[in-house]
């Protein structure tokens, strides 16, 4: 009940509105942020039907079927397994009421309309998402390179081993391969983008 009253007080309409940090605790998405695991909201857009909550670890989308319905579907897209692509910001014309930020995340495509009066805040989000997309693309390439170099090394070692090589040698190679890929995964699969959001989001 309190959150409904708070939303009304914010004057929200079907057009998305950028919610101020002091009001994050008044929106539904805040209930699904993993505060217990140091997850933090950095940017939040709300309309009557939807909420788009950008945290340091994920996009949390509270998906409404319509502005008139109370039914909501919670969707969470963690950055570590949902690559961001095609980030676009469309500014408003003379008669437009809204600006749009568009991007793909994993297999989902988003086009979010926001009140054009908040274009400056949306520019900050655009830059943050664009930077995350660049980091994700670079890290994906490095992870592929790491896997490829391991395969090359493994092939070379296998060729030099004789049929009489001990089972212990094979176990050692397998363990080394596992440790190599584990280290590469931990290095190049980034789960927390706090640093990016703190750099670009001006609260």
Foldseek 3Di string as FASTA:
>chain_A
DQLVVVVVVVVAAQFKEKDDPVCPVSDPVNVVAPVVVVKDWLTWIDHLAWIWTDIQFWTWIFGGPDSPDPDTDIDIAGCLPWAKDDWDKAADDPPDQWIWTWIGTRNDTDIHTHGNVCVVQVVLVSQLSVVSNVLLVVLVVQLVVLVVVLVVVVVVVVVPDDPPDDPVVVVVSVVVSVVSSVVSSVVRRDRGRPVSSVVRRDD
